[in-house]
């Protein structure tokens, strides 16, 4: 009788260990996916910040492609493709008198979109960011 009870306990213990191993593998996959998503978002954000960092990207907006090395090992981990920045609105900048309205700078509002693709796994993330850029009075909203 005690042999049968011992055998049942051994089976129950084995099932518990197997289920614990399966759960840990699932958790590891979830964490790995979250890390890939966060890294791809950071790569897309880096590309957007490169565009925002130069006002010339708004006078003559174009689509651009960037290779991003997220872990600084010298190998590009992500390829980020940005669309041509879209001008949503242009308004006269506040604080200028009506007499100088024609020469007052313009505040422009832009939508910048970037799609980051992981070169290893193919994970893709799309990031949109808005930006306000003050441009000279002769600028137009393309």
N, C-alpha and C. Protein backbone atom coordinates (compact mmCIF):
# COMPACT_ATOMS: atom_id res chain seq x y z
N UNK A 1 0.81 -1.19 0.00
CA UNK A 1 0.00 0.00 0.00
C UNK A 1 0.86 1.26 0.00
N UNK A 2 1.90 1.28 0.85
CA UNK A 2 2.75 2.46 0.91
C UNK A 2 3.52 2.66 -0.39
N UNK A 3 3.79 1.56 -1.10
CA UNK A 3 4.45 1.66 -2.39
C UNK A 3 3.55 2.36 -3.40
N UNK A 4 2.27 2.08 -3.37
CA UNK A 4 1.31 2.72 -4.27
C UNK A 4 1.18 4.21 -3.96
N UNK A 5 1.12 4.57 -2.68
CA UNK A 5 1.03 5.98 -2.29
C UNK A 5 2.30 6.72 -2.72
N UNK A 6 3.45 6.11 -2.55
CA UNK A 6 4.72 6.71 -2.97
C UNK A 6 4.76 6.93 -4.48
N UNK A 7 4.23 5.97 -5.24
CA UNK A 7 4.19 6.08 -6.70
C UNK A 7 3.28 7.21 -7.13
N UNK A 8 2.12 7.35 -6.50
CA UNK A 8 1.19 8.44 -6.82
C UNK A 8 1.84 9.78 -6.49
N UNK A 9 2.50 9.88 -5.36
CA UNK A 9 3.16 11.13 -4.98
C UNK A 9 4.27 11.48 -5.99
N UNK A 10 4.99 10.49 -6.45
CA UNK A 10 6.05 10.72 -7.43
C UNK A 10 5.47 11.22 -8.75
N UNK A 11 4.35 10.67 -9.17
CA UNK A 11 3.68 11.12 -10.40
C UNK A 11 3.20 12.56 -10.25
N UNK A 12 2.60 12.88 -9.11
CA UNK A 12 2.11 14.25 -8.87
C UNK A 12 3.29 15.23 -8.88
N UNK A 13 4.38 14.87 -8.23
CA UNK A 13 5.55 15.73 -8.19
C UNK A 13 6.13 15.94 -9.59
N UNK A 14 6.18 14.88 -10.39
CA UNK A 14 6.67 14.99 -11.76
C UNK A 14 5.80 15.92 -12.59
N UNK A 15 4.49 15.81 -12.45
CA UNK A 15 3.58 16.69 -13.19
C UNK A 15 3.77 18.15 -12.77
N UNK A 16 3.99 18.39 -11.50
CA UNK A 16 4.21 19.76 -11.03
C UNK A 16 5.50 20.34 -11.61
N UNK A 17 6.55 19.55 -11.67
CA UNK A 17 7.82 20.02 -12.22
C UNK A 17 7.68 20.31 -13.71
N UNK A 18 7.02 19.43 -14.44
CA UNK A 18 6.83 19.63 -15.88
C UNK A 18 6.02 20.90 -16.14
N UNK A 19 4.97 21.12 -15.37
CA UNK A 19 4.16 22.33 -15.58
C UNK A 19 4.95 23.59 -15.21
N UNK A 20 5.79 23.53 -14.21
CA UNK A 20 6.61 24.69 -13.83
C UNK A 20 7.61 25.03 -14.94
N UNK A 21 8.21 24.02 -15.55
CA UNK A 21 9.15 24.26 -16.65
C UNK A 21 8.43 24.89 -17.83
N UNK A 22 7.26 24.40 -18.17
CA UNK A 22 6.49 24.96 -19.28
C UNK A 22 6.10 26.41 -19.01
N UNK A 23 5.70 26.71 -17.79
CA UNK A 23 5.31 28.09 -17.45
C UNK A 23 6.52 29.02 -17.54
N UNK A 24 7.68 28.56 -17.12
CA UNK A 24 8.86 29.42 -17.17
C UNK A 24 9.26 29.69 -18.62
N UNK A 25 9.11 28.72 -19.50
CA UNK A 25 9.41 28.93 -20.92
C UNK A 25 8.46 29.96 -21.52
N UNK A 26 7.19 29.87 -21.17
CA UNK A 26 6.20 30.83 -21.67
C UNK A 26 6.53 32.24 -21.17
N UNK A 27 6.85 32.37 -19.90
CA UNK A 27 7.21 33.68 -19.35
C UNK A 27 8.45 34.25 -20.02
N UNK A 28 9.42 33.40 -20.32
CA UNK A 28 10.64 33.84 -20.98
C UNK A 28 10.33 34.37 -22.38
N UNK A 29 9.43 33.70 -23.10
CA UNK A 29 9.03 34.17 -24.43
C UNK A 29 8.33 35.52 -24.36
N UNK A 30 7.46 35.68 -23.38
CA UNK A 30 6.74 36.95 -23.21
C UNK A 30 7.72 38.09 -22.93
N UNK A 31 8.66 37.86 -22.03
CA UNK A 31 9.64 38.89 -21.69
C UNK A 31 10.52 39.21 -22.90
N UNK A 32 10.91 38.19 -23.65
CA UNK A 32 11.70 38.41 -24.86
C UNK A 32 10.96 39.25 -25.88
N UNK A 33 9.67 38.97 -26.06
CA UNK A 33 8.86 39.75 -27.00
C UNK A 33 8.72 41.20 -26.53
N UNK A 34 8.53 41.40 -25.24
CA UNK A 34 8.43 42.76 -24.72
C UNK A 34 9.74 43.52 -24.91
N UNK A 35 10.85 42.85 -24.70
CA UNK A 35 12.15 43.50 -24.88
C UNK A 35 12.34 43.88 -26.34
N UNK A 36 11.98 43.01 -27.27
CA UNK A 36 12.13 43.31 -28.70
C UNK A 36 11.26 44.50 -29.09
N UNK A 37 10.06 44.57 -28.54
CA UNK A 37 9.16 45.69 -28.85
C UNK A 37 9.72 47.01 -28.30
N UNK A 38 10.23 46.98 -27.09
CA UNK A 38 10.79 48.20 -26.48
C UNK A 38 12.03 48.66 -27.24
N UNK A 39 12.89 47.72 -27.64
CA UNK A 39 14.08 48.08 -28.40
C UNK A 39 13.70 48.68 -29.75
N UNK A 40 12.72 48.08 -30.43
CA UNK A 40 12.30 48.60 -31.73
C UNK A 40 11.69 49.99 -31.59
N UNK A 41 10.94 50.21 -30.53
CA UNK A 41 10.38 51.54 -30.28
C UNK A 41 11.49 52.55 -30.04
N UNK A 42 12.52 52.16 -29.29
CA UNK A 42 13.65 53.06 -29.04
C UNK A 42 14.40 53.37 -30.34
N UNK A 43 14.55 52.38 -31.21
CA UNK A 43 15.22 52.62 -32.49
C UNK A 43 14.43 53.58 -33.36
N UNK A 44 13.10 53.41 -33.40
CA UNK A 44 12.25 54.33 -34.17
C UNK A 44 12.33 55.74 -33.59
N UNK A 45 12.36 55.84 -32.28
CA UNK A 45 12.44 57.15 -31.63
C UNK A 45 13.77 57.83 -31.95
N UNK A 46 14.86 57.06 -32.00
CA UNK A 46 16.16 57.63 -32.36
C UNK A 46 16.12 58.23 -33.76
N UNK A 47 15.50 57.52 -34.70
CA UNK A 47 15.42 58.02 -36.07
C UNK A 47 14.57 59.29 -36.13
N UNK A 48 13.46 59.31 -35.41
CA UNK A 48 12.61 60.51 -35.39
C UNK A 48 13.38 61.69 -34.81
N UNK A 49 14.15 61.45 -33.76
CA UNK A 49 14.92 62.54 -33.15
C UNK A 49 16.01 63.06 -34.09
N UNK A 50 16.57 62.18 -34.94
CA UNK A 50 17.53 62.64 -35.94
C UNK A 50 16.85 63.57 -36.94
N UNK A 51 15.62 63.27 -37.30
CA UNK A 51 14.88 64.13 -38.23
C UNK A 51 14.55 65.46 -37.56
N UNK A 52 14.04 65.41 -36.34
CA UNK A 52 13.66 66.63 -35.63
C UNK A 52 14.89 67.50 -35.36
N UNK A 53 16.05 66.89 -35.24
CA UNK A 53 17.27 67.62 -34.91
C UNK A 53 17.78 68.56 -35.99
N UNK A 54 17.26 68.46 -37.20
CA UNK A 54 17.71 69.34 -38.28
C UNK A 54 16.52 70.01 -38.93
N UNK A 55 16.49 71.35 -38.87
CA UNK A 55 15.36 72.09 -39.42
C UNK A 55 15.27 71.94 -40.94
N UNK A 56 16.38 71.60 -41.60
CA UNK A 56 16.33 71.42 -43.06
C UNK A 56 15.41 70.27 -43.45
N UNK A 57 15.19 69.32 -42.55
CA UNK A 57 14.27 68.22 -42.84
C UNK A 57 12.83 68.69 -42.97
N UNK A 58 12.55 69.91 -42.53
CA UNK A 58 11.19 70.43 -42.61
C UNK A 58 11.02 71.41 -43.77
N UNK A 59 12.10 72.03 -44.22
CA UNK A 59 12.01 72.90 -45.39
C UNK A 59 11.91 72.07 -46.67
N UNK A 60 12.62 70.95 -46.70
CA UNK A 60 12.55 70.02 -47.83
C UNK A 60 12.37 68.61 -47.28
N UNK A 61 11.15 68.27 -46.86
CA UNK A 61 10.92 66.97 -46.23
C UNK A 61 11.05 65.81 -47.22
N UNK A 62 11.74 64.76 -46.80
CA UNK A 62 11.89 63.55 -47.60
C UNK A 62 11.82 62.33 -46.69
N UNK A 63 11.49 61.20 -47.28
CA UNK A 63 11.54 59.93 -46.54
C UNK A 63 13.01 59.54 -46.38
N UNK A 64 13.35 58.94 -45.26
CA UNK A 64 14.74 58.57 -44.99
C UNK A 64 14.80 57.17 -44.38
N UNK A 65 15.95 56.53 -44.53
CA UNK A 65 16.19 55.23 -43.93
C UNK A 65 17.43 55.33 -43.04
N UNK A 66 17.32 54.79 -41.84
CA UNK A 66 18.42 54.83 -40.87
C UNK A 66 18.75 53.40 -40.43
N UNK A 67 20.03 53.13 -40.20
CA UNK A 67 20.46 51.88 -39.58
C UNK A 67 20.83 52.23 -38.14
N UNK A 68 20.17 51.56 -37.20
CA UNK A 68 20.35 51.87 -35.78
C UNK A 68 21.02 50.69 -35.08
N UNK A 69 22.11 50.99 -34.38
CA UNK A 69 22.81 50.00 -33.54
C UNK A 69 22.37 50.25 -32.10
N UNK A 70 21.43 49.47 -31.62
CA UNK A 70 20.81 49.74 -30.32
C UNK A 70 21.71 49.32 -29.15
N UNK A 71 22.59 48.33 -29.36
CA UNK A 71 23.40 47.84 -28.24
C UNK A 71 24.88 48.19 -28.38
N UNK A 72 25.21 49.09 -29.31
CA UNK A 72 26.58 49.61 -29.48
C UNK A 72 27.64 48.53 -29.69
N UNK A 73 27.30 47.51 -30.49
CA UNK A 73 28.30 46.48 -30.80
C UNK A 73 28.89 46.66 -32.20
N UNK A 74 28.53 47.75 -32.88
CA UNK A 74 29.06 48.03 -34.21
C UNK A 74 28.27 47.41 -35.34
N UNK A 75 27.21 46.69 -35.02
CA UNK A 75 26.37 46.05 -36.04
C UNK A 75 24.97 46.66 -35.96
N UNK A 76 24.43 47.04 -37.11
CA UNK A 76 23.09 47.64 -37.13
C UNK A 76 22.06 46.58 -36.74
N UNK A 77 21.32 46.86 -35.68
CA UNK A 77 20.31 45.92 -35.19
C UNK A 77 18.94 46.18 -35.80
N UNK A 78 18.66 47.43 -36.13
CA UNK A 78 17.35 47.81 -36.64
C UNK A 78 17.51 48.67 -37.89
N UNK A 79 16.59 48.49 -38.82
CA UNK A 79 16.47 49.37 -39.97
C UNK A 79 15.20 50.16 -39.77
N UNK A 80 15.33 51.49 -39.78
CA UNK A 80 14.18 52.35 -39.53
C UNK A 80 13.90 53.15 -40.79
N UNK A 81 12.68 53.02 -41.29
CA UNK A 81 12.24 53.79 -42.45
C UNK A 81 11.26 54.84 -41.98
N UNK A 82 11.57 56.09 -42.31
CA UNK A 82 10.66 57.17 -41.96
C UNK A 82 9.95 57.64 -43.22
N UNK A 83 8.71 58.03 -43.06
CA UNK A 83 7.99 58.61 -44.18
C UNK A 83 8.33 60.09 -44.25
N UNK A 84 7.96 60.70 -45.35
CA UNK A 84 8.16 62.14 -45.50
C UNK A 84 7.36 62.83 -44.41
N UNK A 85 7.99 63.69 -43.59
CA UNK A 85 7.23 64.39 -42.55
C UNK A 85 6.04 65.14 -43.17
N UNK A 86 4.88 64.99 -42.56
CA UNK A 86 3.65 65.59 -43.08
C UNK A 86 3.33 66.86 -42.32
N UNK A 87 3.22 67.97 -43.04
CA UNK A 87 2.85 69.24 -42.43
C UNK A 87 1.34 69.25 -42.23
N UNK A 88 0.92 69.39 -41.00
CA UNK A 88 -0.51 69.35 -40.68
C UNK A 88 -1.13 70.73 -40.64
N UNK A 89 -0.35 71.72 -40.20
CA UNK A 89 -0.91 73.05 -40.01
C UNK A 89 0.22 74.07 -39.95
N UNK A 90 -0.08 75.29 -40.42
CA UNK A 90 0.87 76.39 -40.33
C UNK A 90 0.12 77.61 -39.83
N UNK A 91 0.64 78.23 -38.78
CA UNK A 91 0.01 79.43 -38.23
C UNK A 91 1.08 80.48 -37.95
N UNK A 92 0.67 81.73 -37.91
CA UNK A 92 1.60 82.81 -37.56
C UNK A 92 2.01 82.65 -36.10
N UNK A 93 3.27 82.88 -35.83
CA UNK A 93 3.77 82.75 -34.47
C UNK A 93 3.19 83.85 -33.59
N UNK A 94 2.90 83.53 -32.36
CA UNK A 94 2.35 84.50 -31.41
C UNK A 94 3.42 85.52 -31.01
N UNK A 95 2.95 86.71 -30.61
CA UNK A 95 3.85 87.71 -30.05
C UNK A 95 4.37 88.72 -31.05
N UNK A 96 3.85 88.73 -32.26
CA UNK A 96 4.30 89.69 -33.26
C UNK A 96 3.15 90.63 -33.60
N UNK A 97 3.46 91.90 -33.82
CA UNK A 97 2.41 92.88 -34.09
C UNK A 97 1.88 92.72 -35.50
N UNK A 98 0.72 93.28 -35.72
CA UNK A 98 0.07 93.20 -37.03
C UNK A 98 0.93 93.89 -38.08
N UNK A 99 1.66 94.94 -37.69
CA UNK A 99 2.50 95.67 -38.63
C UNK A 99 3.58 94.77 -39.24
N UNK A 100 4.01 93.78 -38.50
CA UNK A 100 5.08 92.90 -38.98
C UNK A 100 4.57 91.49 -39.28
N UNK A 101 3.29 91.37 -39.52
CA UNK A 101 2.69 90.06 -39.73
C UNK A 101 3.29 89.33 -40.93
N UNK A 102 3.65 90.08 -41.97
CA UNK A 102 4.21 89.43 -43.16
C UNK A 102 5.62 88.90 -42.93
N UNK A 103 6.34 89.47 -41.98
CA UNK A 103 7.70 89.01 -41.73
C UNK A 103 7.81 88.16 -40.46
N UNK A 104 6.70 87.91 -39.81
CA UNK A 104 6.70 87.10 -38.58
C UNK A 104 6.95 85.64 -38.92
N UNK A 105 7.68 84.94 -38.07
CA UNK A 105 7.89 83.51 -38.32
C UNK A 105 6.59 82.73 -38.21
N UNK A 106 6.62 81.53 -38.74
CA UNK A 106 5.44 80.66 -38.74
C UNK A 106 5.69 79.45 -37.84
N UNK A 107 4.67 79.07 -37.10
CA UNK A 107 4.71 77.81 -36.36
C UNK A 107 4.06 76.74 -37.22
N UNK A 108 4.81 75.68 -37.49
CA UNK A 108 4.29 74.58 -38.29
C UNK A 108 4.16 73.35 -37.41
N UNK A 109 3.16 72.56 -37.67
CA UNK A 109 2.88 71.34 -36.90
C UNK A 109 3.02 70.15 -37.83
N UNK A 110 3.82 69.19 -37.42
CA UNK A 110 4.20 68.07 -38.27
C UNK A 110 3.87 66.72 -37.62
N UNK A 111 3.63 65.73 -38.48
CA UNK A 111 3.51 64.34 -38.05
C UNK A 111 4.68 63.58 -38.68
N UNK A 112 5.46 62.93 -37.84
CA UNK A 112 6.61 62.17 -38.31
C UNK A 112 6.36 60.70 -37.95
N UNK A 113 6.45 59.83 -38.95
CA UNK A 113 6.19 58.41 -38.75
C UNK A 113 7.45 57.62 -39.04
N UNK A 114 7.72 56.61 -38.20
CA UNK A 114 8.89 55.75 -38.40
C UNK A 114 8.48 54.30 -38.17
N UNK A 115 8.98 53.42 -39.04
CA UNK A 115 8.75 51.98 -38.90
C UNK A 115 10.10 51.32 -38.67
N UNK A 116 10.29 50.74 -37.50
CA UNK A 116 11.54 50.07 -37.15
C UNK A 116 11.37 48.57 -37.34
N UNK A 117 12.35 47.96 -38.01
CA UNK A 117 12.33 46.52 -38.25
C UNK A 117 13.59 45.90 -37.67
N UNK A 118 13.40 44.88 -36.83
CA UNK A 118 14.53 44.16 -36.24
C UNK A 118 15.17 43.31 -37.33
N UNK A 119 16.47 43.49 -37.56
CA UNK A 119 17.16 42.75 -38.62
C UNK A 119 17.30 41.27 -38.31
N UNK A 120 17.16 40.86 -37.04
CA UNK A 120 17.27 39.45 -36.68
C UNK A 120 15.94 38.73 -36.72
N UNK A 121 14.94 39.30 -36.07
CA UNK A 121 13.67 38.59 -35.91
C UNK A 121 12.58 39.06 -36.84
N UNK A 122 12.74 40.25 -37.43
CA UNK A 122 11.69 40.78 -38.30
C UNK A 122 10.60 41.53 -37.56
N UNK A 123 10.76 41.72 -36.25
CA UNK A 123 9.79 42.47 -35.47
C UNK A 123 9.68 43.89 -36.01
N UNK A 124 8.44 44.38 -36.18
CA UNK A 124 8.26 45.75 -36.66
C UNK A 124 7.41 46.54 -35.67
N UNK A 125 7.76 47.81 -35.52
CA UNK A 125 7.03 48.73 -34.66
C UNK A 125 6.89 50.04 -35.41
N UNK A 126 5.69 50.62 -35.37
CA UNK A 126 5.45 51.92 -35.98
C UNK A 126 5.26 52.96 -34.88
N UNK A 127 5.98 54.08 -35.02
CA UNK A 127 5.90 55.16 -34.04
C UNK A 127 5.54 56.45 -34.78
N UNK A 128 4.56 57.18 -34.26
CA UNK A 128 4.20 58.51 -34.78
C UNK A 128 4.55 59.52 -33.71
N UNK A 129 5.09 60.65 -34.15
CA UNK A 129 5.37 61.73 -33.20
C UNK A 129 5.03 63.05 -33.85
N UNK A 130 4.42 63.91 -33.07
CA UNK A 130 4.12 65.26 -33.53
C UNK A 130 5.23 66.21 -33.12
N UNK A 131 5.41 67.25 -33.92
CA UNK A 131 6.43 68.25 -33.60
C UNK A 131 5.96 69.61 -34.07
N UNK A 132 6.31 70.63 -33.30
CA UNK A 132 6.06 72.01 -33.72
C UNK A 132 7.41 72.61 -34.06
N UNK A 133 7.50 73.17 -35.26
CA UNK A 133 8.76 73.75 -35.72
C UNK A 133 8.48 75.20 -36.12
N UNK A 134 9.28 76.11 -35.59
CA UNK A 134 9.16 77.52 -35.98
C UNK A 134 10.03 77.74 -37.21
N UNK A 135 9.39 78.23 -38.29
CA UNK A 135 10.08 78.44 -39.56
C UNK A 135 9.99 79.91 -39.94
N UNK A 136 10.81 80.31 -40.91
CA UNK A 136 10.81 81.71 -41.30
C UNK A 136 9.52 82.09 -42.03
N UNK A 137 9.33 83.37 -42.25
CA UNK A 137 8.07 83.89 -42.78
C UNK A 137 7.79 83.43 -44.20
N UNK A 138 8.82 83.09 -44.96
CA UNK A 138 8.62 82.69 -46.36
C UNK A 138 8.33 81.20 -46.50
N UNK A 139 8.40 80.46 -45.42
CA UNK A 139 8.18 79.01 -45.49
C UNK A 139 6.74 78.70 -45.86
N UNK A 140 6.58 77.58 -46.52
CA UNK A 140 5.24 77.10 -46.87
C UNK A 140 5.05 75.72 -46.27
N UNK A 141 3.82 75.32 -46.17
CA UNK A 141 3.49 73.99 -45.65
C UNK A 141 3.36 73.06 -46.85
N UNK A 142 4.40 72.26 -47.13
CA UNK A 142 4.36 71.43 -48.34
C UNK A 142 3.34 70.31 -48.25
